[in-house]
PDB file of N, CA and C in Angstrom:
ATOM      1  N   MET A   1      -3.711 -30.087 -29.641  1.00  0.00           N
ATOM      2  CA  MET A   1      -3.186 -29.518 -28.406  1.00  0.00           C
ATOM      3  C   MET A   1      -4.138 -29.444 -27.028  1.00  0.00           C
ATOM      4  N   MET A   2      -4.230 -30.000 -26.172  1.00  0.00           N
ATOM      5  CA  MET A   2      -5.205 -29.963 -24.719  1.00  0.00           C
ATOM      6  C   MET A   2      -4.671 -28.709 -24.303  1.00  0.00           C
ATOM      7  N   GLU A   3      -5.662 -27.894 -24.099  1.00  0.00           N
ATOM      8  CA  GLU A   3      -5.904 -26.926 -23.036  1.00  0.00           C
ATOM      9  C   GLU A   3      -5.936 -27.053 -21.722  1.00  0.00           C
ATOM     10  N   HIS A   4      -5.145 -26.305 -20.775  1.00  0.00           N
ATOM     11  CA  HIS A   4      -5.678 -26.762 -19.323  1.00  0.00           C
ATOM     12  C   HIS A   4      -6.514 -25.749 -18.945  1.00  0.00           C
ATOM     13  N   PRO A   5      -7.791 -26.335 -18.219  1.00  0.00           N
ATOM     14  CA  PRO A   5      -8.780 -25.512 -17.649  1.00  0.00           C
ATOM     15  C   PRO A   5      -8.061 -24.496 -16.706  1.00  0.00           C
ATOM     16  N   ARG A   6      -8.461 -23.103 -16.647  1.00  0.00           N
ATOM     17  CA  ARG A   6      -8.038 -22.075 -15.723  1.00  0.00           C
ATOM     18  C   ARG A   6      -8.434 -22.622 -14.577  1.00  0.00           C
ATOM     19  N   ALA A   7      -7.370 -22.120 -13.414  1.00  0.00           N
ATOM     20  CA  ALA A   7      -7.912 -22.188 -12.192  1.00  0.00           C
ATOM     21  C   ALA A   7      -8.830 -21.111 -11.745  1.00  0.00           C
ATOM     22  N   ALA A   8      -9.458 -21.290 -10.897  1.00  0.00           N
ATOM     23  CA  ALA A   8     -10.279 -20.400 -10.019  1.00  0.00           C
ATOM     24  C   ALA A   8      -9.728 -19.567  -9.292  1.00  0.00           C
ATOM     25  N   GLY A   9      -9.998 -18.633  -9.273  1.00  0.00           N
ATOM     26  CA  GLY A   9      -9.251 -17.265  -8.155  1.00  0.00           C
ATOM     27  C   GLY A   9      -9.282 -17.627  -6.651  1.00  0.00           C
ATOM     28  N   ARG A  10      -8.506 -17.287  -5.953  1.00  0.00           N
ATOM     29  CA  ARG A  10      -8.550 -17.787  -4.947  1.00  0.00           C
ATOM     30  C   ARG A  10      -9.583 -16.806  -3.677  1.00  0.00           C
ATOM     31  N   PRO A  11      -9.981 -17.431  -2.919  1.00  0.00           N
ATOM     32  CA  PRO A  11     -10.711 -16.378  -2.130  1.00  0.00           C
ATOM     33  C   PRO A  11      -9.936 -15.303  -1.208  1.00  0.00           C
ATOM     34  N   PHE A  12     -10.500 -14.123  -1.222  1.00  0.00           N
ATOM     35  CA  PHE A  12      -9.909 -13.264   0.135  1.00  0.00           C
ATOM     36  C   PHE A  12     -10.302 -13.479   1.483  1.00  0.00           C
ATOM     37  N   LEU A  13      -9.431 -13.840   2.180  1.00  0.00           N
ATOM     38  CA  LEU A  13      -9.328 -14.326   3.573  1.00  0.00           C
ATOM     39  C   LEU A  13      -9.158 -12.858   4.353  1.00  0.00           C
ATOM     40  N   PRO A  14     -10.328 -12.624   5.040  1.00  0.00           N
ATOM     41  CA  PRO A  14     -10.249 -11.204   5.859  1.00  0.00           C
ATOM     42  C   PRO A  14      -9.188 -11.137   6.853  1.00  0.00           C
ATOM     43  N   THR A  15      -8.905 -12.425   7.595  1.00  0.00           N
ATOM     44  CA  THR A  15      -7.620 -12.079   8.675  1.00  0.00           C
ATOM     45  C   THR A  15      -6.551 -12.463   8.031  1.00  0.00           C
ATOM     46  N   SER A  16      -6.260 -12.567   6.658  1.00  0.00           N
ATOM     47  CA  SER A  16      -4.885 -12.855   6.060  1.00  0.00           C
ATOM     48  C   SER A  16      -4.089 -11.497   6.068  1.00  0.00           C
ATOM     49  N   PRO A  17      -2.873 -11.329   5.961  1.00  0.00           N
ATOM     50  CA  PRO A  17      -2.070 -10.132   6.179  1.00  0.00           C
ATOM     51  C   PRO A  17      -1.476  -9.624   5.245  1.00  0.00           C
ATOM     52  N   PHE A  18      -2.019 -10.319   3.778  1.00  0.00           N
ATOM     53  CA  PHE A  18      -1.258 -10.591   2.655  1.00  0.00           C
ATOM     54  C   PHE A  18      -2.115  -9.668   1.767  1.00  0.00           C
ATOM     55  N   GLY A  19      -2.073  -8.963   0.941  1.00  0.00           N
ATOM     56  CA  GLY A  19      -2.905  -8.393  -0.281  1.00  0.00           C
ATOM     57  C   GLY A  19      -4.349  -7.427   0.420  1.00  0.00           C
ATOM     58  N   ALA A  20      -3.906  -7.324   1.605  1.00  0.00           N
ATOM     59  CA  ALA A  20      -5.325  -6.295   2.332  1.00  0.00           C
ATOM     60  C   ALA A  20      -5.459  -5.181   1.826  1.00  0.00           C
ATOM     61  N   SER A  21      -6.687  -4.974   1.244  1.00  0.00           N
ATOM     62  CA  SER A  21      -7.141  -3.833   0.974  1.00  0.00           C
ATOM     63  C   SER A  21      -7.323  -2.765   1.523  1.00  0.00           C
ATOM     64  N   ALA A  22      -6.541  -1.533   1.139  1.00  0.00           N
ATOM     65  CA  ALA A  22      -6.177  -0.496   1.751  1.00  0.00           C
ATOM     66  C   ALA A  22      -7.881   0.399   2.323  1.00  0.00           C
ATOM     67  N   LEU A  23      -7.940   0.394   3.657  1.00  0.00           N
ATOM     68  CA  LEU A  23      -9.030   1.226   4.066  1.00  0.00           C
ATOM     69  C   LEU A  23      -8.817   2.490   3.361  1.00  0.00           C
ATOM     70  N   THR A  24     -10.127   3.220   3.184  1.00  0.00           N
ATOM     71  CA  THR A  24      -9.901   4.778   2.686  1.00  0.00           C
ATOM     72  C   THR A  24     -10.447   5.595   3.842  1.00  0.00           C
ATOM     73  N   PRO A  25      -9.829   6.578   3.957  1.00  0.00           N
ATOM     74  CA  PRO A  25     -10.499   6.929   5.081  1.00  0.00           C
ATOM     75  C   PRO A  25     -11.622   7.840   4.950  1.00  0.00           C
ATOM     76  N   PRO A  26     -12.649   8.142   5.859  1.00  0.00           N
ATOM     77  CA  PRO A  26     -13.482   8.483   5.841  1.00  0.00           C
ATOM     78  C   PRO A  26     -13.630  10.045   5.382  1.00  0.00           C
ATOM     79  N   ALA A  27     -14.102  10.502   4.428  1.00  0.00           N
ATOM     80  CA  ALA A  27     -14.491  11.714   3.974  1.00  0.00           C
ATOM     81  C   ALA A  27     -14.465  12.716   4.569  1.00  0.00           C
ATOM     82  N   GLU A  28     -13.877  14.045   4.804  1.00  0.00           N
ATOM     83  CA  GLU A  28     -14.043  14.986   5.738  1.00  0.00           C
ATOM     84  C   GLU A  28     -15.547  15.673   5.584  1.00  0.00           C
ATOM     85  N   GLN A  29     -16.174  16.109   6.494  1.00  0.00           N
ATOM     86  CA  GLN A  29     -17.486  16.657   6.355  1.00  0.00           C
ATOM     87  C   GLN A  29     -17.368  18.078   6.841  1.00  0.00           C
ATOM     88  N   PHE A  30     -17.889  19.006   5.889  1.00  0.00           N
ATOM     89  CA  PHE A  30     -17.564  20.441   6.189  1.00  0.00           C
ATOM     90  C   PHE A  30     -19.433  21.079   6.803  1.00  0.00           C
ATOM     91  N   ALA A  31     -19.241  22.010   7.762  1.00  0.00           N
ATOM     92  CA  ALA A  31     -20.315  22.548   8.063  1.00  0.00           C
ATOM     93  C   ALA A  31     -20.265  24.105   7.937  1.00  0.00           C
ATOM     94  N   VAL A  32     -21.097  24.894   7.691  1.00  0.00           N
ATOM     95  CA  VAL A  32     -21.052  26.446   7.666  1.00  0.00           C
ATOM     96  C   VAL A  32     -20.507  26.872   8.886  1.00  0.00           C
ATOM     97  N   ASP A  33     -19.479  27.908   8.310  1.00  0.00           N
ATOM     98  CA  ASP A  33     -18.527  28.605   9.544  1.00  0.00           C
ATOM     99  C   ASP A  33     -17.379  28.204   9.754  1.00  0.00           C
ATOM    100  N   ASP A  34     -17.187  26.590   8.979  1.00  0.00           N
ATOM    101  CA  ASP A  34     -15.879  25.946   8.969  1.00  0.00           C
ATOM    102  C   ASP A  34     -14.911  26.653   8.480  1.00  0.00           C
ATOM    103  N   GLN A  35     -13.380  26.771   9.239  1.00  0.00           N
ATOM    104  CA  GLN A  35     -12.447  27.172   8.571  1.00  0.00           C
ATOM    105  C   GLN A  35     -11.765  26.633   7.622  1.00  0.00           C
ATOM    106  N   VAL A  36     -11.035  26.787   6.557  1.00  0.00           N
ATOM    107  CA  VAL A  36     -10.652  26.074   5.965  1.00  0.00           C
ATOM    108  C   VAL A  36      -9.505  26.559   4.969  1.00  0.00           C
ATOM    109  N   THR A  37      -8.564  25.437   4.766  1.00  0.00           N
ATOM    110  CA  THR A  37      -7.272  26.347   3.781  1.00  0.00           C
ATOM    111  C   THR A  37      -7.202  25.322   2.619  1.00  0.00           C
ATOM    112  N   HIS A  38      -6.828  26.204   1.281  1.00  0.00           N
ATOM    113  CA  HIS A  38      -6.900  25.739   0.167  1.00  0.00           C
ATOM    114  C   HIS A  38      -5.329  26.217  -0.487  1.00  0.00           C
ATOM    115  N   ASP A  39      -4.824  24.939  -1.328  1.00  0.00           N
ATOM    116  CA  ASP A  39      -3.296  25.318  -1.855  1.00  0.00           C
ATOM    117  C   ASP A  39      -3.700  26.552  -2.629  1.00  0.00           C
ATOM    118  N   LYS A  40      -4.619  26.669  -3.243  1.00  0.00           N
ATOM    119  CA  LYS A  40      -4.270  27.879  -4.252  1.00  0.00           C
ATOM    120  C   LYS A  40      -5.179  29.055  -3.777  1.00  0.00           C
ATOM    121  N   TYR A  41      -5.872  28.839  -3.068  1.00  0.00           N
ATOM    122  CA  TYR A  41      -6.724  29.869  -2.545  1.00  0.00           C
ATOM    123  C   TYR A  41      -6.560  30.565  -1.101  1.00  0.00           C
ATOM    124  N   GLY A  42      -5.826  29.911  -0.445  1.00  0.00           N
ATOM    125  CA  GLY A  42      -5.495  30.238   0.705  1.00  0.00           C
ATOM    126  C   GLY A  42      -6.604  29.903   1.924  1.00  0.00           C
ATOM    127  N   LEU A  43      -6.782  30.638   2.983  1.00  0.00           N
ATOM    128  CA  LEU A  43      -7.663  30.364   4.223  1.00  0.00           C
ATOM    129  C   LEU A  43      -8.943  31.018   3.793  1.00  0.00           C
ATOM    130  N   GLY A  44      -9.909  30.221   4.016  1.00  0.00           N
ATOM    131  CA  GLY A  44     -11.423  30.876   3.712  1.00  0.00           C
ATOM    132  C   GLY A  44     -12.330  30.187   4.565  1.00  0.00           C
ATOM    133  N   ARG A  45     -13.573  30.462   4.233  1.00  0.00           N
ATOM    134  CA  ARG A  45     -14.517  30.078   5.721  1.00  0.00           C
ATOM    135  C   ARG A  45     -15.822  29.616   4.762  1.00  0.00           C
ATOM    136  N   VAL A  46     -16.639  28.723   5.376  1.00  0.00           N
ATOM    137  CA  VAL A  46     -17.394  27.783   4.229  1.00  0.00           C
ATOM    138  C   VAL A  46     -18.557  28.785   4.616  1.00  0.00           C
ATOM    139  N   ILE A  47     -19.745  29.236   3.586  1.00  0.00           N
ATOM    140  CA  ILE A  47     -20.432  29.981   3.605  1.00  0.00           C
ATOM    141  C   ILE A  47     -22.031  29.260   3.220  1.00  0.00           C
ATOM    142  N   CYS A  48     -21.583  27.892   2.588  1.00  0.00           N
ATOM    143  CA  CYS A  48     -22.794  27.414   2.209  1.00  0.00           C
ATOM    144  C   CYS A  48     -22.547  25.831   1.519  1.00  0.00           C
ATOM    145  N   VAL A  49     -23.088  24.705   2.075  1.00  0.00           N
ATOM    146  CA  VAL A  49     -22.986  23.333   1.661  1.00  0.00           C
ATOM    147  C   VAL A  49     -24.421  22.937   1.100  1.00  0.00           C
ATOM    148  N   GLU A  50     -24.059  22.527   0.021  1.00  0.00           N
ATOM    149  CA  GLU A  50     -25.069  21.745  -0.793  1.00  0.00           C
ATOM    150  C   GLU A  50     -24.926  20.167  -1.034  1.00  0.00           C
ATOM    151  N   ASP A  51     -25.968  19.784  -0.801  1.00  0.00           N
ATOM    152  CA  ASP A  51     -25.724  18.016  -0.558  1.00  0.00           C
ATOM    153  C   ASP A  51     -25.054  17.037  -0.156  1.00  0.00           C
ATOM    154  N   ASP A  52     -24.065  18.113   0.654  1.00  0.00           N
ATOM    155  CA  ASP A  52     -22.893  17.446   1.382  1.00  0.00           C
ATOM    156  C   ASP A  52     -21.853  17.014   0.736  1.00  0.00           C
ATOM    157  N   THR A  53     -21.894  17.712  -0.700  1.00  0.00           N
ATOM    158  CA  THR A  53     -20.665  17.445  -1.888  1.00  0.00           C
ATOM    159  C   THR A  53     -20.193  18.941  -2.217  1.00  0.00           C
ATOM    160  N   ILE A  54     -21.089  19.682  -2.341  1.00  0.00           N
ATOM    161  CA  ILE A  54     -20.841  21.170  -2.848  1.00  0.00           C
ATOM    162  C   ILE A  54     -20.430  22.241  -1.806  1.00  0.00           C
ATOM    163  N   LEU A  55     -19.478  23.072  -1.900  1.00  0.00           N
ATOM    164  CA  LEU A  55     -19.198  24.244  -0.741  1.00  0.00           C
ATOM    165  C   LEU A  55     -18.758  25.190  -1.370  1.00  0.00           C
ATOM    166  N   ILE A  56     -19.448  26.463  -0.974  1.00  0.00           N
ATOM    167  CA  ILE A  56     -19.230  27.717  -1.406  1.00  0.00           C
ATOM    168  C   ILE A  56     -18.325  28.133  -0.293  1.00  0.00           C
ATOM    169  N   ILE A  57     -17.086  29.031  -0.584  1.00  0.00           N
ATOM    170  CA  ILE A  57     -16.322  29.183   0.331  1.00  0.00           C
ATOM    171  C   ILE A  57     -16.166  30.714   0.033  1.00  0.00           C
ATOM    172  N   ASP A  58     -16.165  31.017   1.005  1.00  0.00           N
ATOM    173  CA  ASP A  58     -15.689  32.860   1.285  1.00  0.00           C
ATOM    174  C   ASP A  58     -14.007  32.833   1.204  1.00  0.00           C
ATOM    175  N   PHE A  59     -13.306  33.312   0.356  1.00  0.00           N
ATOM    176  CA  PHE A  59     -11.826  33.512   0.297  1.00  0.00           C
ATOM    177  C   PHE A  59     -11.552  34.894   0.364  1.00  0.00           C
ATOM    178  N   GLY A  60     -12.668  35.753   0.891  1.00  0.00           N
ATOM    179  CA  GLY A  60     -12.105  36.979   1.205  1.00  0.00           C
ATOM    180  C   GLY A  60     -12.163  38.079  -0.063  1.00  0.00           C
ATOM    181  N   SER A  61     -11.220  37.433  -1.304  1.00  0.00           N
ATOM    182  CA  SER A  61     -11.545  38.408  -2.311  1.00  0.00           C
ATOM    183  C   SER A  61     -12.285  37.759  -3.280  1.00  0.00           C
ATOM    184  N   ARG A  62     -12.575  36.535  -3.218  1.00  0.00           N
ATOM    185  CA  ARG A  62     -13.313  35.724  -3.941  1.00  0.00           C
ATOM    186  C   ARG A  62     -14.461  34.478  -3.334  1.00  0.00           C
ATOM    187  N   ARG A  63     -15.384  34.166  -3.683  1.00  0.00           N
ATOM    188  CA  ARG A  63     -16.368  33.072  -3.239  1.00  0.00           C
ATOM    189  C   ARG A  63     -15.738  32.045  -4.513  1.00  0.00           C
ATOM    190  N   VAL A  64     -15.818  30.883  -3.798  1.00  0.00           N
ATOM    191  CA  VAL A  64     -15.336  29.473  -5.158  1.00  0.00           C
ATOM    192  C   VAL A  64     -16.413  28.725  -4.857  1.00  0.00           C
ATOM    193  N   GLN A  65     -16.915  27.793  -5.558  1.00  0.00           N
ATOM    194  CA  GLN A  65     -17.701  26.648  -5.367  1.00  0.00           C
ATOM    195  C   GLN A  65     -16.626  25.561  -5.780  1.00  0.00           C
ATOM    196  N   ILE A  66     -16.456  24.531  -4.797  1.00  0.00           N
ATOM    197  CA  ILE A  66     -15.724  22.881  -4.419  1.00  0.00           C
ATOM    198  C   ILE A  66     -16.388  21.916  -4.270  1.00  0.00           C
ATOM    199  N   THR A  67     -16.162  21.263  -5.377  1.00  0.00           N
ATOM    200  CA  THR A  67     -17.251  20.001  -5.054  1.00  0.00           C
ATOM    201  C   THR A  67     -16.035  19.244  -3.975  1.00  0.00           C
ATOM    202  N   THR A  68     -16.421  18.181  -3.184  1.00  0.00           N
ATOM    203  CA  THR A  68     -15.768  17.267  -2.289  1.00  0.00           C
ATOM    204  C   THR A  68     -15.830  15.853  -3.096  1.00  0.00           C
ATOM    205  N   PRO A  69     -14.900  14.831  -2.516  1.00  0.00           N
ATOM    206  CA  PRO A  69     -13.713  15.105  -1.842  1.00  0.00           C
ATOM    207  C   PRO A  69     -12.889  16.014  -2.887  1.00  0.00           C
ATOM    208  N   CYS A  70     -11.920  16.835  -2.057  1.00  0.00           N
ATOM    209  CA  CYS A  70     -10.612  17.677  -3.088  1.00  0.00           C
ATOM    210  C   CYS A  70      -9.862  17.414  -1.961  1.00  0.00           C
ATOM    211  N   ALA A  71      -8.766  17.365  -2.936  1.00  0.00           N
ATOM    212  CA  ALA A  71      -7.252  16.955  -2.079  1.00  0.00           C
ATOM    213  C   ALA A  71      -6.879  18.329  -1.670  1.00  0.00           C
ATOM    214  N   LYS A  72      -7.201  19.224  -2.330  1.00  0.00           N
ATOM    215  CA  LYS A  72      -6.231  20.552  -1.891  1.00  0.00           C
ATOM    216  C   LYS A  72      -7.086  21.302  -1.116  1.00  0.00           C
ATOM    217  N   LEU A  73      -8.322  20.887  -0.280  1.00  0.00           N
ATOM    218  CA  LEU A  73      -8.898  21.412   0.618  1.00  0.00           C
ATOM    219  C   LEU A  73      -8.741  20.945   2.041  1.00  0.00           C
ATOM    220  N   THR A  74      -8.306  21.540   2.846  1.00  0.00           N
ATOM    221  CA  THR A  74      -8.140  21.278   4.297  1.00  0.00           C
ATOM    222  C   THR A  74      -9.281  21.904   5.559  1.00  0.00           C
ATOM    223  N   LYS A  75      -9.629  20.700   6.518  1.00  0.00           N
ATOM    224  CA  LYS A  75     -10.496  21.618   7.326  1.00  0.00           C
ATOM    225  C   LYS A  75      -9.664  22.128   8.288  1.00  0.00           C
ATOM    226  N   LEU A  76      -9.446  23.383   9.154  1.00  0.00           N
ATOM    227  CA  LEU A  76      -9.021  23.932  10.399  1.00  0.00           C
ATOM    228  C   LEU A  76      -9.760  23.742  11.571  1.00  0.00           C
TER     229      LEU A  76
END
């Protein structure tokens, strides 16, 4: 039995409205003294930023180290 050659994939046209890739929003940038809220820990203040990916946040009763991006963390 003869096999048919596989069709080459179609190129993605940037102007096409079909199958457009979803644009990811830019990651939030945090700085020292930013007020933040966390779904589990509540209201807090950023006290240290390491390598733009690790945050140390003071939530009043505890200090927590969080890596970004974090879906539960929102900048106020």
